[in-house]
Protein backbone atom coordinates (compact mmCIF):
# COMPACT_ATOMS: atom_id res chain seq x y z
CA MET A 1 0.00 0.00 0.00
CA THR A 2 1.28 3.50 -0.87
CA ALA A 3 2.02 5.70 2.16
CA PRO A 4 -0.33 8.70 2.48
CA SER A 5 1.03 11.90 0.91
CA THR A 6 2.30 14.62 3.22
CA SER A 7 3.06 17.12 0.45
CA ALA A 8 0.17 19.40 1.51
CA ILE A 9 1.41 19.70 5.11
CA PRO A 10 3.38 22.92 5.76
CA ALA A 11 7.03 22.36 6.62
CA GLY A 12 6.71 23.44 10.26
CA ASP A 13 3.73 21.20 10.92
CA LEU A 14 5.37 18.32 9.06
CA ALA A 15 8.40 18.66 11.35
CA THR A 16 6.06 18.49 14.38
CA LEU A 17 4.50 15.32 13.03
CA GLN A 18 7.84 13.69 12.25
CA ALA A 19 9.25 14.59 15.68
CA LEU A 20 6.45 12.78 17.51
CA GLU A 21 7.56 9.43 18.81
CA GLY A 22 5.10 6.81 17.61
CA ALA A 23 3.61 9.18 15.02
CA ALA A 24 2.48 6.28 12.86
CA ASP A 25 0.06 5.20 15.60
CA ALA A 26 -0.95 8.68 16.71
CA HIS A 27 -4.33 10.31 16.56
CA VAL A 28 -5.01 13.99 15.85
CA ASP A 29 -7.70 16.08 17.52
CA LEU A 30 -9.08 18.57 14.98
CA LEU A 31 -10.26 21.52 17.07
CA LEU A 32 -12.80 24.17 16.06
CA PRO A 33 -13.46 26.74 18.82
CA ASP A 34 -17.15 27.69 18.84
CA ALA A 35 -18.69 31.01 19.87
CA ASN A 36 -18.65 29.95 23.54
CA GLY A 37 -14.97 29.02 23.30
CA VAL A 38 -15.80 25.30 23.55
CA LEU A 39 -13.50 23.14 21.43
CA ARG A 40 -15.49 20.96 19.04
CA GLY A 41 -14.31 18.83 16.12
CA LYS A 42 -13.15 15.35 15.16
CA ARG A 43 -10.43 12.83 16.01
CA VAL A 44 -8.60 11.29 13.04
CA PRO A 45 -5.52 9.07 12.64
CA ALA A 46 -2.27 10.90 11.96
CA SER A 47 -2.10 9.08 8.62
CA ALA A 48 -5.07 11.20 7.47
CA LEU A 49 -3.30 14.54 8.05
CA GLY A 50 -2.15 14.92 4.47
CA LYS A 51 -5.75 14.65 3.31
CA VAL A 52 -6.93 17.10 5.99
CA TYR A 53 -4.41 19.73 4.86
CA ALA A 54 -5.18 19.13 1.19
CA ASN A 55 -8.96 18.98 1.32
CA GLY A 56 -10.03 20.20 4.74
CA VAL A 57 -12.61 18.39 6.85
CA CYS A 58 -16.39 18.74 6.90
CA LEU A 59 -18.16 19.90 10.06
CA PRO A 60 -21.74 21.19 10.52
CA MET A 61 -22.00 24.94 10.13
CA SER A 62 -24.27 24.98 13.19
CA LEU A 63 -21.37 23.91 15.44
CA VAL A 64 -20.04 27.47 15.50
CA ALA A 65 -23.18 28.69 17.26
CA ALA A 66 -24.11 25.63 19.34
CA ASP A 67 -25.39 26.55 22.78
CA ILE A 68 -23.33 25.86 25.89
CA LEU A 69 -24.82 22.33 26.08
CA GLY A 70 -23.93 21.58 22.45
CA ASN A 71 -27.44 21.93 21.03
CA THR A 72 -28.18 23.53 17.66
CA VAL A 73 -29.76 26.97 18.04
CA GLU A 74 -32.37 27.11 15.28
CA GLU A 75 -32.88 30.88 15.67
CA THR A 76 -29.41 31.45 14.21
CA GLY A 77 -30.56 30.14 10.82
CA LEU A 78 -27.71 27.60 10.75
CA GLY A 79 -29.75 24.49 11.57
CA TYR A 80 -32.80 23.06 9.82
CA ASP A 81 -33.28 26.25 7.78
CA ILE A 82 -30.25 25.30 5.67
CA GLY A 83 -30.53 21.54 6.10
CA ASP A 84 -27.82 21.57 8.80
CA GLU A 85 -25.23 21.91 6.05
CA ASP A 86 -21.59 21.00 6.41
CA ARG A 87 -18.83 23.47 5.69
CA ILE A 88 -15.19 22.82 4.89
CA CYS A 89 -12.87 23.56 7.81
CA ARG A 90 -9.20 24.18 7.02
CA PRO A 91 -6.16 23.72 9.26
CA ILE A 92 -4.51 26.83 10.65
CA PRO A 93 -0.87 26.49 9.51
CA GLY A 94 1.56 26.26 12.41
CA SER A 95 -1.06 25.10 14.92
CA LEU A 96 -0.17 21.38 14.88
CA ARG A 97 1.03 20.62 18.42
CA PRO A 98 1.77 17.48 20.43
CA VAL A 99 -0.62 16.50 23.23
CA PRO A 100 1.84 15.61 25.98
CA TRP A 101 -0.76 14.54 28.56
CA SER A 102 -2.19 11.85 26.27
CA ALA A 103 -1.52 8.22 27.25
CA ARG A 104 -0.79 7.40 23.59
CA PRO A 105 0.93 9.48 20.88
CA ALA A 106 -1.37 12.37 19.98
CA LEU A 107 -1.46 15.75 18.25
CA GLN A 108 -3.95 18.57 17.99
CA LEU A 109 -4.70 20.98 15.15
CA LEU A 110 -6.79 24.16 15.09
CA LEU A 111 -9.34 24.66 12.32
CA GLN A 112 -11.20 27.58 10.81
CA MET A 113 -14.46 27.34 8.85
CA GLU A 114 -15.15 28.41 5.25
CA ASP A 115 -18.42 30.00 4.16
CA GLY A 116 -19.15 27.88 1.09
CA ASP A 117 -18.20 30.63 -1.38
CA GLY A 118 -14.44 30.42 -1.06
CA GLY A 119 -14.12 32.80 1.89
CA TRP A 120 -14.09 32.40 5.66
CA PHE A 121 -17.33 32.09 7.61
CA GLU A 122 -17.86 35.58 9.01
CA ALA A 123 -19.58 34.40 12.20
CA HIS A 124 -16.66 32.22 13.30
CA PRO A 125 -14.95 33.88 16.33
CA ARG A 126 -11.45 33.74 14.88
CA ARG A 127 -12.71 35.42 11.71
CA VAL A 128 -14.47 38.11 13.78
CA LEU A 129 -11.12 39.00 15.33
CA GLN A 130 -9.39 38.95 11.94
CA ARG A 131 -11.99 41.40 10.63
CA VAL A 132 -11.03 43.88 13.36
CA LEU A 133 -7.31 43.29 12.83
CA ASP A 134 -7.69 44.11 9.13
CA ARG A 135 -8.77 47.62 10.14
CA PHE A 136 -5.72 48.01 12.38
CA ALA A 137 -3.48 46.95 9.50
CA ALA A 138 -5.14 49.55 7.27
CA ALA A 139 -4.38 52.17 9.94
CA GLY A 140 -0.73 51.10 10.13
CA LEU A 141 -1.06 49.82 13.70
CA THR A 142 -0.15 46.46 15.24
CA PRO A 143 -1.80 45.41 18.52
CA VAL A 144 0.40 43.63 21.05
CA LEU A 145 -1.66 41.37 23.31
CA ALA A 146 -1.19 39.32 26.45
CA VAL A 147 -3.94 37.33 28.18
CA GLU A 148 -4.25 36.61 31.91
CA LEU A 149 -6.60 33.79 32.91
CA GLU A 150 -7.94 33.10 36.40
CA PHE A 151 -9.43 29.74 37.34
CA TYR A 152 -10.33 27.54 40.28
CA LEU A 153 -8.83 24.16 41.10
CA PHE A 154 -11.51 22.04 42.78
CA ASP A 155 -11.71 18.52 44.12
CA ARG A 156 -12.90 16.20 41.38
CA LEU A 157 -15.77 15.15 43.67
CA PRO A 158 -18.47 17.64 44.74
CA ASP A 159 -19.63 18.11 48.32
CA ALA A 160 -22.73 16.48 49.79
CA GLU A 161 -24.94 19.11 48.11
CA GLY A 162 -23.36 18.56 44.70
CA ARG A 163 -21.38 21.81 44.77
CA PRO A 164 -17.68 22.25 44.01
CA GLN A 165 -15.30 22.13 46.94
CA PRO A 166 -11.63 23.04 47.41
CA THR A 167 -8.97 20.38 47.19
CA VAL A 168 -7.45 18.78 50.28
CA ASN A 169 -4.21 20.30 51.52
CA ARG A 170 -1.61 17.53 51.58
CA SER A 171 0.25 19.13 54.47
CA THR A 172 -2.71 19.50 56.83
CA GLY A 173 -5.15 16.90 55.48
CA ARG A 174 -7.86 19.59 55.51
CA ARG A 175 -9.62 21.37 52.71
CA ASN A 176 -8.19 24.77 51.80
CA ASP A 177 -10.48 27.43 53.21
CA SER A 178 -8.42 30.62 53.50
CA THR A 179 -7.66 33.45 51.12
CA GLN A 180 -3.90 33.70 50.83
CA VAL A 181 -3.46 35.99 47.84
CA TYR A 182 -0.07 35.57 46.13
CA SER A 183 0.77 32.80 48.59
CA ILE A 184 3.96 30.92 47.74
CA ASP A 185 2.83 28.13 50.07
CA ASP A 186 -0.26 27.60 47.91
CA LEU A 187 1.95 27.39 44.83
CA ASP A 188 4.18 24.87 46.63
CA GLU A 189 1.14 22.84 47.66
CA ASN A 190 0.08 22.61 44.01
CA ALA A 191 3.60 22.45 42.56
CA ASP A 192 3.08 19.11 40.78
CA PHE A 193 0.05 20.48 38.93
CA ILE A 194 1.69 23.81 38.09
CA HIS A 195 4.91 22.17 36.86
CA ALA A 196 2.90 19.72 34.72
CA VAL A 197 1.02 22.64 33.15
CA ALA A 198 4.34 24.41 32.50
CA ARG A 199 5.81 21.30 30.83
CA ALA A 200 2.75 20.88 28.62
CA CYS A 201 2.87 24.55 27.63
CA ARG A 202 6.54 24.26 26.67
CA ALA A 203 5.78 21.18 24.56
CA GLN A 204 3.00 23.07 22.79
CA GLY A 205 4.84 26.37 22.38
CA ILE A 206 2.37 28.21 24.62
CA PRO A 207 4.19 31.18 26.23
CA ALA A 208 2.90 30.76 29.80
CA ASP A 209 5.27 32.68 32.02
CA THR A 210 3.76 33.46 35.46
CA ALA A 211 1.60 31.57 37.96
CA VAL A 212 0.14 33.17 41.09
CA ALA A 213 -2.27 32.13 43.84
CA GLU A 214 -5.26 34.43 43.58
CA TYR A 215 -7.89 35.88 45.91
CA ALA A 216 -9.75 32.73 47.01
CA PRO A 217 -9.03 29.17 48.18
CA GLY A 218 -7.92 27.15 45.16
CA GLN A 219 -7.97 30.11 42.76
CA PHE A 220 -4.95 30.64 40.51
CA GLU A 221 -3.89 32.81 37.60
CA ILE A 222 -1.57 31.87 34.77
CA ASN A 223 -0.31 34.66 32.52
CA LEU A 224 0.65 34.40 28.88
CA GLY A 225 3.50 36.28 27.29
CA HIS A 226 2.65 39.19 25.01
CA ARG A 227 2.48 38.69 21.25
CA ALA A 228 2.42 41.09 18.31
CA ASP A 229 0.07 38.56 16.65
CA ALA A 230 -3.36 38.90 18.25
CA LEU A 231 -4.71 35.74 16.64
CA ALA A 232 -1.81 33.70 17.99
CA ALA A 233 -2.27 35.28 21.44
CA CYS A 234 -5.89 34.11 21.49
CA ASP A 235 -4.94 30.68 20.14
CA ASP A 236 -2.58 30.48 23.14
CA ALA A 237 -5.40 31.31 25.54
CA VAL A 238 -7.80 28.74 24.07
CA LEU A 239 -5.14 26.03 24.14
CA LEU A 240 -3.97 26.99 27.65
CA LYS A 241 -7.48 26.35 28.96
CA ARG A 242 -7.37 22.89 27.40
CA VAL A 243 -3.99 22.21 28.98
CA ILE A 244 -5.14 23.32 32.44
CA LYS A 245 -8.33 21.25 32.35
CA ALA A 246 -6.53 18.12 31.10
CA ILE A 247 -3.66 18.34 33.59
CA ALA A 248 -6.08 19.00 36.47
CA GLN A 249 -8.02 15.87 35.55
CA GLN A 250 -4.81 13.82 35.56
CA HIS A 251 -4.10 15.14 39.07
CA GLY A 252 -7.50 14.12 40.37
CA ALA A 253 -8.89 17.65 40.31
CA LEU A 254 -11.32 19.79 38.33
CA ALA A 255 -10.23 23.09 36.79
CA SER A 256 -13.08 25.53 36.23
CA PHE A 257 -13.16 28.82 34.34
CA MET A 258 -16.66 29.72 35.56
CA ALA A 259 -16.89 33.43 36.18
CA LYS A 260 -18.38 32.97 39.69
CA PRO A 261 -18.28 29.36 40.90
CA LEU A 262 -18.56 30.16 44.62
CA ALA A 263 -20.80 32.65 46.40
CA GLY A 264 -18.83 34.88 48.72
CA GLN A 265 -15.53 34.25 46.95
CA ALA A 266 -13.74 36.09 44.16
CA GLY A 267 -14.84 35.57 40.58
CA SER A 268 -12.46 34.59 37.80
CA GLY A 269 -11.55 37.13 35.13
CA MET A 270 -9.82 37.29 31.79
CA HIS A 271 -7.61 40.37 31.75
CA LEU A 272 -6.36 41.54 28.37
CA HIS A 273 -3.20 43.68 28.17
CA VAL A 274 -2.92 45.75 25.00
CA SER A 275 -0.36 48.14 23.56
CA LEU A 276 -0.13 49.43 19.99
CA LEU A 277 2.87 49.68 17.69
CA ASP A 278 3.05 52.11 14.78
CA ARG A 279 4.75 51.35 11.45
CA ASP A 280 8.14 52.12 13.00
CA GLY A 281 7.56 49.74 15.92
CA ARG A 282 6.99 52.50 18.49
CA ASN A 283 4.34 52.08 21.18
CA VAL A 284 1.80 54.85 20.56
CA PHE A 285 0.63 54.58 24.19
CA ALA A 286 4.12 55.39 25.58
CA CYS A 287 3.79 58.01 28.31
CA SER A 288 4.01 58.69 32.02
CA PRO A 289 1.09 59.00 34.48
CA ASP A 290 1.53 62.75 34.82
CA ALA A 291 1.29 63.28 31.04
CA PRO A 292 -0.98 60.62 29.44
CA ALA A 293 -0.47 60.22 25.70
CA ASP A 294 -3.35 61.39 23.52
CA ALA A 295 -3.49 57.98 21.84
CA LEU A 296 -3.88 56.29 25.23
CA ARG A 297 -6.62 58.67 26.30
CA HIS A 298 -8.55 58.26 23.05
CA ALA A 299 -8.22 54.46 23.22
CA VAL A 300 -9.58 54.41 26.77
CA ALA A 301 -12.48 56.65 25.75
CA GLY A 302 -13.34 54.29 22.89
CA LEU A 303 -13.46 51.38 25.33
CA GLN A 304 -15.76 53.38 27.58
CA ALA A 305 -18.06 54.34 24.71
CA SER A 306 -18.37 50.76 23.42
CA ALA A 307 -18.68 49.00 26.79
CA SER A 308 -22.44 48.40 26.68
CA ASP A 309 -22.33 47.28 23.03
CA ASN A 310 -19.68 44.72 23.92
CA LEU A 311 -20.81 43.58 27.36
CA LEU A 312 -22.29 40.34 26.00
CA LEU A 313 -18.88 39.40 24.60
CA PHE A 314 -17.25 40.07 27.97
CA ALA A 315 -20.01 38.39 30.01
CA PRO A 316 -21.66 35.76 27.79
CA HIS A 317 -23.40 33.48 30.32
CA ALA A 318 -25.96 33.66 33.10
CA ASN A 319 -23.25 32.95 35.67
CA SER A 320 -21.08 35.74 34.23
CA TYR A 321 -23.24 38.38 35.89
CA ARG A 322 -22.81 36.92 39.38
CA ARG A 323 -19.19 38.05 39.20
CA PHE A 324 -20.15 41.74 39.16
CA VAL A 325 -20.24 42.48 42.89
CA ALA A 326 -18.72 45.38 44.80
CA ASN A 327 -15.31 45.30 46.46
CA ALA A 328 -14.17 42.14 44.65
CA PHE A 329 -11.69 43.66 42.19
CA VAL A 330 -14.35 43.48 39.46
CA PRO A 331 -15.17 46.59 37.39
CA LEU A 332 -18.59 48.06 38.09
CA ASN A 333 -18.13 51.21 35.99
CA ASP A 334 -16.07 52.51 33.05
CA SER A 335 -13.37 54.23 35.10
CA TRP A 336 -9.70 54.28 34.20
CA GLY A 337 -6.48 55.07 36.01
CA PHE A 338 -2.81 54.36 36.48
CA ASN A 339 -1.68 51.50 38.75
CA ASN A 340 -5.19 51.14 40.23
CA ARG A 341 -7.01 47.78 40.52
CA THR A 342 -10.39 49.33 41.36
CA VAL A 343 -10.87 50.65 37.81
CA ALA A 344 -12.16 48.88 34.72
CA LEU A 345 -9.37 50.09 32.44
CA ARG A 346 -6.09 49.96 34.31
CA ILE A 347 -2.77 51.32 33.11
CA PRO A 348 -0.32 49.03 34.95
CA HIS A 349 2.90 50.31 36.46
CA SER A 350 5.67 50.14 33.85
CA ASP A 351 8.36 52.16 32.19
CA PRO A 352 6.96 54.67 29.66
CA ALA A 353 7.91 52.63 26.58
CA ASN A 354 5.84 49.64 27.77
CA THR A 355 2.67 51.54 28.68
CA ARG A 356 -0.40 49.39 28.04
CA ILE A 357 -4.09 49.12 28.84
CA GLU A 358 -5.25 46.28 31.05
CA HIS A 359 -8.90 45.58 30.24
CA ARG A 360 -10.46 44.00 33.35
CA ILE A 361 -14.15 43.57 32.51
CA ALA A 362 -14.27 40.13 30.85
CA GLY A 363 -14.77 36.92 32.81
CA ALA A 364 -12.63 33.82 32.40
CA ASP A 365 -15.71 32.15 30.86
CA ALA A 366 -15.60 34.42 27.79
CA ASN A 367 -14.25 33.52 24.36
CA PRO A 368 -10.71 34.99 24.01
CA TYR A 369 -11.13 35.74 20.30
CA LEU A 370 -14.32 37.70 20.93
CA VAL A 371 -12.94 39.54 23.96
CA ALA A 372 -9.90 40.58 21.91
CA ALA A 373 -12.09 41.65 18.99
CA ALA A 374 -14.26 43.77 21.29
CA VAL A 375 -11.35 45.39 23.12
CA LEU A 376 -9.47 46.18 19.92
CA ALA A 377 -12.58 47.49 18.19
CA GLY A 378 -13.21 49.81 21.13
CA ILE A 379 -9.62 51.05 21.06
CA LEU A 380 -9.60 51.82 17.35
CA HIS A 381 -13.05 53.42 17.61
CA GLY A 382 -11.64 55.77 20.23
CA LEU A 383 -8.54 56.57 18.18
CA GLU A 384 -10.64 57.36 15.10
CA SER A 385 -13.18 59.51 16.97
CA ARG A 386 -10.58 61.14 19.26
CA ARG A 387 -12.81 60.85 22.30
CA ASP A 388 -12.02 62.19 25.78
CA PRO A 389 -12.15 59.68 28.69
CA GLY A 390 -12.09 62.26 31.44
CA PRO A 391 -9.32 62.39 34.05
CA PRO A 392 -7.74 59.19 35.39
CA VAL A 393 -9.02 58.01 38.77
CA ALA A 394 -6.89 58.18 41.89
CA GLY A 395 -8.03 56.16 44.89
CA ASN A 396 -11.07 53.92 45.22
CA ALA A 397 -13.14 54.00 42.04
CA TYR A 398 -15.98 52.10 43.74
CA GLU A 399 -16.59 55.11 45.97
CA GLN A 400 -16.22 57.75 43.27
CA PHE A 401 -18.46 56.39 40.52
CA GLU A 402 -21.98 55.09 40.27
CA VAL A 403 -22.02 51.32 40.66
CA ARG A 404 -23.68 49.53 37.76
CA GLN A 405 -25.25 46.10 38.05
CA PRO A 406 -25.40 44.64 34.53
CA HIS A 407 -27.98 42.03 33.52
CA TRP A 408 -27.80 39.26 30.92
CA ARG A 409 -31.11 40.10 29.22
CA GLN A 410 -30.15 43.75 28.78
CA ALA A 411 -26.73 42.80 27.42
CA ILE A 412 -28.36 40.52 24.83
CA ASP A 413 -30.85 43.19 23.80
CA ASP A 414 -28.11 45.81 23.55
CA PHE A 415 -25.94 43.54 21.40
CA LEU A 416 -28.73 42.62 18.97
CA ALA A 417 -29.58 46.31 18.54
CA SER A 418 -25.99 47.50 18.37
CA GLY A 419 -24.90 49.41 15.29
CA PHE A 420 -21.36 49.22 16.69
CA ALA A 421 -21.45 45.40 16.64
CA ALA A 422 -22.81 45.33 13.08
CA ARG A 423 -20.14 47.73 11.81
CA TRP A 424 -17.18 46.09 13.51
CA TYR A 425 -18.08 42.40 13.58
CA GLY A 426 -20.60 42.13 10.74
CA GLU A 427 -24.37 41.74 10.74
CA SER A 428 -24.05 37.97 10.31
CA PHE A 429 -22.11 37.55 13.53
CA ARG A 430 -24.34 40.00 15.43
CA HIS A 431 -27.39 37.96 14.45
CA VAL A 432 -25.88 34.51 15.04
CA TYR A 433 -24.27 35.32 18.37
CA GLY A 434 -27.17 37.39 19.67
CA GLN A 435 -29.72 34.70 18.82
CA GLN A 436 -27.51 31.99 20.32
CA LYS A 437 -27.36 33.88 23.60
CA ARG A 438 -31.05 34.75 23.57
CA ARG A 439 -31.93 31.06 23.21
CA GLU A 440 -29.56 30.13 26.06
CA MET A 441 -31.19 32.78 28.26
CA LEU A 442 -34.72 31.58 27.47
CA ASP A 443 -33.79 27.98 28.19
CA PHE A 444 -31.98 28.95 31.41
CA ASN A 445 -35.00 30.88 32.64
CA THR A 446 -37.28 27.83 32.29
CA LEU A 447 -35.25 25.93 34.90
CA VAL A 448 -36.31 25.71 38.55
CA SER A 449 -33.27 25.94 40.81
CA ASP A 450 -32.59 24.64 44.32
CA VAL A 451 -32.83 28.23 45.51
CA ASP A 452 -36.44 28.39 44.29
CA TYR A 453 -37.31 25.39 46.45
CA ALA A 454 -35.36 26.68 49.45
CA TRP A 455 -36.99 30.11 49.34
CA TYR A 456 -40.52 29.43 48.14
CA LEU A 457 -41.61 25.77 48.41
CA ARG A 458 -42.90 26.07 51.99
CA SER A 459 -43.01 29.81 52.56
CA VAL A 460 -45.53 31.02 50.00
């Protein structure tokens, strides 16, 4: 039998395949991130890779807008209305990576979906980000991005009420119950897990560079290095979440990126750090706190002006809105300031040349591609309209600004009616994503929770 052709595989990906020990027996996970950031796709033998690169692979168009449970959302128009058609999905060159936690030789490969007319499907999240990046390229600007992801590490078994519980501390034999922010002891306690994540990231070329214990028992943050390729930065974030979940499972734990898994404890955010380079490679945000650059001010103002249009991208789920509580390092307004964690748009302490915006609104449950698209669209909108953000905040922003309590229904309505979303992300995506979220909300609201029974079963 003739060996399958590998001529269609790019040189870098071919080298990855050939370097894998046992490649002949390996499988490949073909990964298509959907609008919720869930990885969907197929598993094929490595011997089929040449065909995948040459011809692509067929997946239902409706997968892109499946709800959080994996169901087709008919209101998007991608289900029965079009016969649940397949679309060709093509590999993203350079994204073939080993899967080091697999018990047998394995690789993974990111995909992007075509539209059936020779172009890319405009409602696919990676394409939404590319659409925004095309406008930056036309303006002669290159965004530099870094993503910070917070998450909880829970016991793999729930408590007696079916709720997540912290892991058991090996030193004390008791469950972790204290908030030891930036605790080195907590990092030591979970060193095996953290080192395994670091090894997997190195094997996959994911630039994870910092791990810290965060503001709740079992909460951690892993930071990614900055990239002048926003798509690659978001690929890193999507793949890092897969790494963390898989390694946690191997260590008998459960990693969760829920925005608010525990009442009374800190929520988990996705913080996006952004600077902008001009054609000569200079950071247009470069400045000092006492003399903010005009470009920085305008960018901040654009983020403020577009915040309500983009809230659904930052907070996509019912649980997302439980994170927005006072005095929990979560933005409840559109304030900005230097070296201040009570604001929504923070300018971290740095030397002038590395001045950047830290966008702190999104939850860890959001889709990195869509968060990046929204943040970058807001920045460029501000630069183009030369808006004024007002003076930077000094001190406690919670006490100086009106506290807002956002709601899921309002965020969905605002997004579906948003001219900003249609202009920057396309009407197709606005419709598909808005209808997906509306259906999720309607289905969620039909459920009767344990709280309903506890509050009302006997008392009314």
